[in-house]
Amino acid sequence: MFGNLPLVSAADLSTLLPMPAAIAAIEDALAAGLDPEADPARSNVPFPAGQMLLMPSGDERYAGVKIATVADHGLPRIRAVYLLLDGQTFAPLALFDGTALTSLRTPAVSAAALNHIARPDASRLLVFGTGPQAEAHVEAVRAIRDIEHVAMKGRNDSRTRKEIQDADIICCCTTAETPLFPGAWVSAGTAVVAIGSHEPGKREVDTDLVAASQVFVESRRAALTEAGDVIQPIGSGVPVDLVTLADLHGTKPDPARPRLFKSVGMGWQDLVVAAAAYEALPGTEKYK
């Protein structure tokens, strides 16, 4: 069953599906009616060494599951494998480097959201984080906007109010458990992406920013279950109206407010990007 299974490495993935194509795959799936609310919930299994995350998803054409581990032991914090299956027979189709898949689909989702909520003339990008996701977000944002200036800051760097106020787009790509900067420093019209956490007790942005912003999420269920950036302000009594990715086409950003996109990562995103990469493999046209 597995003898001839294609193994898609990180290098293969970058060749098969460049960032603009990954962004297009996410946008096309949402435009075609994909409903993130219907996606199976992530399973989070604790172990002595860390966490194991199981993320299944499926549609009429494909199904798949990512097995990811999260641990702090001096090696890469998150590692994963992804198995893509035929959606009708569940026959295995391909095995992916799940870490590389995550590094591609996460910024692709952010860019798909930013395409709708960031100002068309956005040119200044500020990124918190120095790891693979931070670098991938720079690539993704540059794929959708003409970025003239990029500043990257480690989560423990000194914070300057002017850098945050001047940024058109701010991407938070850290393992921080507490807010990275005062939300009051973010200017109206600035788009902020927060992707670093998926736990209720952790957040990268503060209550002031959430209260002041239009808040966009992948799904309400996922946000209200896993996104501490949203859960904690709501728990303190702040009313938050969540707009989902599926509703973006009918929502006009408010120029008088910041726009916040909070992502926790969902299985459908892995499935969409893995399927698009698989269909780019030679000899797989019959699955399109």
Protein backbone atom coordinates (compact mmCIF):
# COMPACT_ATOMS: atom_id res chain seq x y z
CA MET A 1 0.00 0.00 0.00
CA PHE A 2 2.79 2.41 0.88
CA GLY A 3 5.58 1.13 -1.36
CA ASN A 4 5.11 3.64 -4.19
CA LEU A 5 3.71 6.46 -2.09
CA PRO A 6 5.20 9.84 -3.18
CA LEU A 7 7.24 11.48 -0.43
CA VAL A 8 6.99 15.26 -0.73
CA SER A 9 9.97 16.94 0.93
CA ALA A 10 10.36 20.58 1.90
CA ALA A 11 12.32 21.19 -1.30
CA ASP A 12 9.66 19.41 -3.37
CA LEU A 13 6.91 21.46 -1.77
CA SER A 14 8.55 24.80 -2.52
CA THR A 15 8.95 23.74 -6.17
CA LEU A 16 5.46 22.30 -6.57
CA LEU A 17 3.64 25.14 -4.85
CA PRO A 18 5.36 28.54 -4.62
CA MET A 19 3.90 30.96 -2.09
CA PRO A 20 1.63 32.83 -4.55
CA ALA A 21 0.11 29.52 -5.65
CA ALA A 22 -0.46 28.47 -2.03
CA ILE A 23 -2.22 31.77 -1.31
CA ALA A 24 -4.37 31.33 -4.41
CA ALA A 25 -5.29 27.78 -3.35
CA ILE A 26 -6.56 29.04 0.02
CA GLU A 27 -8.50 31.92 -1.54
CA ASP A 28 -10.00 29.70 -4.24
CA ALA A 29 -11.15 27.12 -1.68
CA LEU A 30 -12.89 29.77 0.42
CA ALA A 31 -14.44 31.41 -2.66
CA ALA A 32 -15.77 27.99 -3.72
CA GLY A 33 -17.69 27.70 -0.45
CA LEU A 34 -15.38 25.82 1.90
CA ASP A 35 -16.81 26.17 5.42
CA PRO A 36 -14.09 26.24 8.11
CA GLU A 37 -16.75 25.86 10.80
CA ALA A 38 -17.42 22.32 9.57
CA ASP A 39 -13.79 21.23 9.97
CA PRO A 40 -13.08 18.57 12.62
CA ALA A 41 -11.62 19.94 15.83
CA ARG A 42 -7.92 19.57 16.53
CA SER A 43 -7.02 16.89 19.09
CA ASN A 44 -4.35 17.97 21.57
CA VAL A 45 -2.81 15.02 23.42
CA PRO A 46 -0.38 15.82 26.27
CA PHE A 47 2.73 13.69 26.82
CA PRO A 48 5.64 14.08 29.26
CA ALA A 49 7.85 15.55 26.51
CA GLY A 50 5.24 17.94 25.09
CA GLN A 51 2.08 17.81 22.98
CA MET A 52 0.90 15.74 20.04
CA LEU A 53 -1.60 17.43 17.75
CA LEU A 54 -3.86 15.46 15.40
CA MET A 55 -5.47 17.53 12.64
CA PRO A 56 -7.81 15.69 10.23
CA SER A 57 -9.85 17.18 7.40
CA GLY A 58 -11.59 15.98 4.28
CA ASP A 59 -13.86 16.75 1.35
CA GLU A 60 -15.26 14.83 -1.63
CA ARG A 61 -11.88 14.68 -3.39
CA TYR A 62 -9.33 14.33 -0.61
CA ALA A 63 -8.88 13.58 3.06
CA GLY A 64 -5.81 13.96 5.18
CA VAL A 65 -4.35 14.16 8.63
CA LYS A 66 -1.39 15.97 10.13
CA ILE A 67 0.43 14.61 13.14
CA ALA A 68 2.43 17.39 14.78
CA THR A 69 4.53 17.41 17.92
CA VAL A 70 5.23 20.49 20.02
CA ALA A 71 8.14 20.40 22.46
CA ASP A 72 10.91 22.62 23.81
CA HIS A 73 14.06 20.48 23.75
CA GLY A 74 16.61 22.37 21.67
CA LEU A 75 15.37 20.90 18.39
CA PRO A 76 12.75 22.52 16.14
CA ARG A 77 9.79 23.27 18.43
CA ILE A 78 7.16 21.97 15.99
CA ARG A 79 7.66 18.94 13.76
CA ALA A 80 5.04 17.18 11.68
CA VAL A 81 4.15 14.68 8.97
CA TYR A 82 1.08 14.83 6.74
CA LEU A 83 -0.74 11.94 5.03
CA LEU A 84 -2.95 12.78 2.04
CA LEU A 85 -5.69 10.28 1.13
CA ASP A 86 -8.20 9.81 -1.65
CA GLY A 87 -11.48 11.32 -0.45
CA GLN A 88 -13.62 8.42 -1.73
CA THR A 89 -11.51 5.32 -1.07
CA PHE A 90 -9.14 6.63 1.60
CA ALA A 91 -6.28 5.14 -0.39
CA PRO A 92 -3.00 6.84 0.62
CA LEU A 93 -1.81 9.27 -2.06
CA ALA A 94 1.24 11.05 -0.68
CA LEU A 95 3.23 11.67 2.48
CA PHE A 96 4.40 15.24 3.12
CA ASP A 97 7.00 16.90 5.27
CA GLY A 98 4.36 18.29 7.61
CA THR A 99 6.69 20.88 9.10
CA ALA A 100 7.29 22.39 5.67
CA LEU A 101 3.56 22.16 4.91
CA THR A 102 2.79 24.12 8.09
CA SER A 103 5.46 26.70 7.22
CA LEU A 104 3.73 27.23 3.87
CA ARG A 105 0.04 27.08 4.67
CA THR A 106 0.16 29.33 7.76
CA PRO A 107 1.55 32.42 5.98
CA ALA A 108 -0.61 31.60 2.94
CA VAL A 109 -3.71 31.83 5.14
CA SER A 110 -2.43 35.07 6.69
CA ALA A 111 -1.84 36.54 3.23
CA ALA A 112 -5.28 35.45 2.04
CA ALA A 113 -6.79 37.35 4.97
CA LEU A 114 -4.50 40.36 4.51
CA ASN A 115 -5.50 40.56 0.85
CA HIS A 116 -8.91 41.68 2.13
CA ILE A 117 -8.10 43.59 5.32
CA ALA A 118 -4.76 45.32 4.62
CA ARG A 119 -4.81 48.67 2.84
CA PRO A 120 -4.11 48.32 -0.90
CA ASP A 121 -1.19 50.76 -0.58
CA ALA A 122 0.38 49.04 2.45
CA SER A 123 4.17 49.26 2.14
CA ARG A 124 5.65 49.00 5.66
CA LEU A 125 5.80 45.59 7.36
CA LEU A 126 6.77 44.93 10.98
CA VAL A 127 7.33 41.31 12.03
CA PHE A 128 7.70 40.06 15.58
CA GLY A 129 9.68 36.81 15.55
CA THR A 130 12.89 35.59 13.92
CA GLY A 131 12.07 31.96 13.09
CA PRO A 132 10.79 30.18 9.96
CA GLN A 133 7.24 31.51 10.31
CA ALA A 134 8.46 35.09 10.59
CA GLU A 135 10.53 34.72 7.43
CA ALA A 136 7.70 32.96 5.60
CA HIS A 137 5.30 35.76 6.51
CA VAL A 138 7.63 38.30 4.95
CA GLU A 139 7.54 36.26 1.74
CA ALA A 140 3.76 35.88 1.87
CA VAL A 141 3.04 39.57 2.52
CA ARG A 142 5.39 40.55 -0.30
CA ALA A 143 3.37 38.28 -2.59
CA ILE A 144 0.22 40.39 -2.07
CA ARG A 145 1.52 43.93 -1.40
CA ASP A 146 4.36 46.13 -2.66
CA ILE A 147 6.39 46.18 0.56
CA GLU A 148 9.14 48.79 0.60
CA HIS A 149 10.29 48.45 4.22
CA VAL A 150 10.55 45.38 6.49
CA ALA A 151 11.52 45.43 10.17
CA MET A 152 11.94 42.18 12.11
CA LYS A 153 12.10 42.11 15.88
CA GLY A 154 12.73 39.31 18.35
CA ARG A 155 10.02 38.95 20.96
CA ASN A 156 12.40 40.29 23.65
CA ASP A 157 13.64 43.27 21.61
CA SER A 158 13.02 46.76 22.89
CA ARG A 159 9.75 48.09 21.52
CA THR A 160 9.49 51.46 19.86
CA ARG A 161 6.13 53.12 19.64
CA LYS A 162 6.97 54.82 16.35
CA GLU A 163 7.79 51.52 14.57
CA ILE A 164 4.40 50.11 15.53
CA GLN A 165 2.51 53.31 14.71
CA ASP A 166 4.18 53.59 11.29
CA ALA A 167 3.59 49.97 10.25
CA ASP A 168 0.88 49.21 7.70
CA ILE A 169 1.01 45.48 8.50
CA ILE A 170 2.19 43.83 11.72
CA CYS A 171 2.77 40.06 11.85
CA CYS A 172 3.16 38.39 15.26
CA CYS A 173 4.95 35.05 14.76
CA THR A 174 6.31 34.20 18.22
CA THR A 175 5.93 31.74 21.09
CA ALA A 176 5.10 34.60 23.45
CA GLU A 177 2.55 33.91 26.18
CA THR A 178 1.82 37.58 26.94
CA PRO A 179 1.18 40.58 24.65
CA LEU A 180 4.13 41.80 22.61
CA PHE A 181 3.23 45.51 22.57
CA PRO A 182 0.55 47.91 23.81
CA GLY A 183 -2.43 47.72 21.49
CA ALA A 184 -3.03 51.43 21.89
CA TRP A 185 0.08 52.03 19.79
CA VAL A 186 -1.49 50.47 16.66
CA SER A 187 -2.82 53.03 14.20
CA ALA A 188 -6.25 52.99 12.58
CA GLY A 189 -6.17 51.09 9.30
CA THR A 190 -3.18 48.94 10.30
CA ALA A 191 -3.63 45.20 9.75
CA VAL A 192 -2.29 42.90 12.48
CA VAL A 193 -1.85 39.15 12.12
CA ALA A 194 -1.31 36.96 15.21
CA ILE A 195 -0.42 33.31 14.51
CA GLY A 196 1.88 32.29 17.34
CA SER A 197 -0.42 30.52 19.79
CA HIS A 198 -3.35 28.11 19.83
CA GLU A 199 -3.98 27.90 23.56
CA PRO A 200 -6.55 29.80 25.67
CA GLY A 201 -3.94 30.88 28.22
CA LYS A 202 -1.52 32.43 25.74
CA ARG A 203 -1.71 35.50 23.53
CA GLU A 204 0.45 37.87 21.48
CA VAL A 205 -1.89 40.88 21.42
CA ASP A 206 -3.60 42.65 24.29
CA THR A 207 -7.18 43.42 25.21
CA ASP A 208 -6.89 47.07 24.11
CA LEU A 209 -6.07 46.02 20.55
CA VAL A 210 -8.88 43.46 20.42
CA ALA A 211 -11.39 45.98 21.78
CA ALA A 212 -10.35 48.64 19.25
CA SER A 213 -10.16 46.37 16.19
CA GLN A 214 -12.30 44.65 13.64
CA VAL A 215 -11.47 41.05 14.52
CA PHE A 216 -11.19 38.37 11.84
CA VAL A 217 -10.76 34.64 12.55
CA GLU A 218 -10.68 31.34 10.63
CA SER A 219 -13.80 30.11 12.40
CA ARG A 220 -15.72 31.22 15.46
CA ARG A 221 -15.60 27.74 16.98
CA ALA A 222 -11.85 27.46 16.69
CA ALA A 223 -11.26 31.00 17.95
CA LEU A 224 -13.53 30.64 20.96
CA THR A 225 -11.93 27.30 21.85
CA GLU A 226 -8.23 27.94 21.25
CA ALA A 227 -7.40 31.61 20.67
CA GLY A 228 -6.30 33.20 23.94
CA ASP A 229 -5.96 36.51 22.09
CA VAL A 230 -9.77 36.46 21.70
CA ILE A 231 -10.88 34.32 24.67
CA GLN A 232 -9.16 36.42 27.33
CA PRO A 233 -10.67 39.79 26.29
CA ILE A 234 -14.13 38.22 26.00
CA GLY A 235 -13.64 36.69 29.44
CA SER A 236 -12.92 40.14 30.86
CA GLY A 237 -16.20 41.48 29.48
CA VAL A 238 -15.05 43.02 26.18
CA PRO A 239 -17.68 42.56 23.43
CA VAL A 240 -15.99 41.10 20.32
CA ASP A 241 -17.74 40.64 16.98
CA LEU A 242 -15.85 37.93 15.11
CA VAL A 243 -15.81 37.98 11.30
CA THR A 244 -14.76 34.70 9.69
CA LEU A 245 -12.65 34.13 6.60
CA ALA A 246 -15.75 32.78 4.86
CA ASP A 247 -17.44 36.16 5.42
CA LEU A 248 -14.55 38.33 4.25
CA HIS A 249 -15.92 38.89 0.76
CA GLY A 250 -18.93 40.68 2.18
CA THR A 251 -17.09 42.75 4.78
CA LYS A 252 -15.62 46.19 4.19
CA PRO A 253 -12.74 47.09 6.54
CA ASP A 254 -13.41 50.12 8.75
CA PRO A 255 -10.76 52.79 7.99
CA ALA A 256 -11.15 54.20 11.51
CA ARG A 257 -10.09 50.99 13.27
CA PRO A 258 -7.16 48.54 13.23
CA ARG A 259 -7.91 45.16 11.63
CA LEU A 260 -6.80 42.05 13.56
CA PHE A 261 -6.62 38.56 12.06
CA LYS A 262 -6.15 35.86 14.68
CA SER A 263 -5.22 32.40 13.36
CA VAL A 264 -4.85 29.18 15.35
CA GLY A 265 -4.31 26.89 12.35
CA MET A 266 -6.88 24.36 11.13
CA GLY A 267 -6.82 21.03 9.31
CA TRP A 268 -8.59 22.31 6.19
CA GLN A 269 -5.64 24.61 5.49
CA ASP A 270 -3.21 21.67 5.39
CA LEU A 271 -5.61 19.73 3.19
CA VAL A 272 -6.08 22.54 0.66
CA VAL A 273 -2.36 23.22 0.29
CA ALA A 274 -1.36 19.54 0.27
CA ALA A 275 -3.98 18.75 -2.38
CA ALA A 276 -2.79 21.63 -4.57
CA ALA A 277 0.82 20.46 -4.26
CA TYR A 278 -0.18 16.87 -4.98
CA GLU A 279 -2.02 17.89 -8.13
CA ALA A 280 1.14 19.61 -9.31
CA LEU A 281 3.06 16.33 -9.16
CA PRO A 282 3.66 14.73 -12.58
CA GLY A 283 1.11 12.04 -13.36
CA THR A 284 -1.58 13.07 -10.88
CA GLU A 285 -3.90 14.91 -13.28
CA LYS A 286 -6.57 12.23 -12.84
CA TYR A 287 -7.22 13.49 -9.29
CA LYS A 288 -7.94 17.06 -10.36
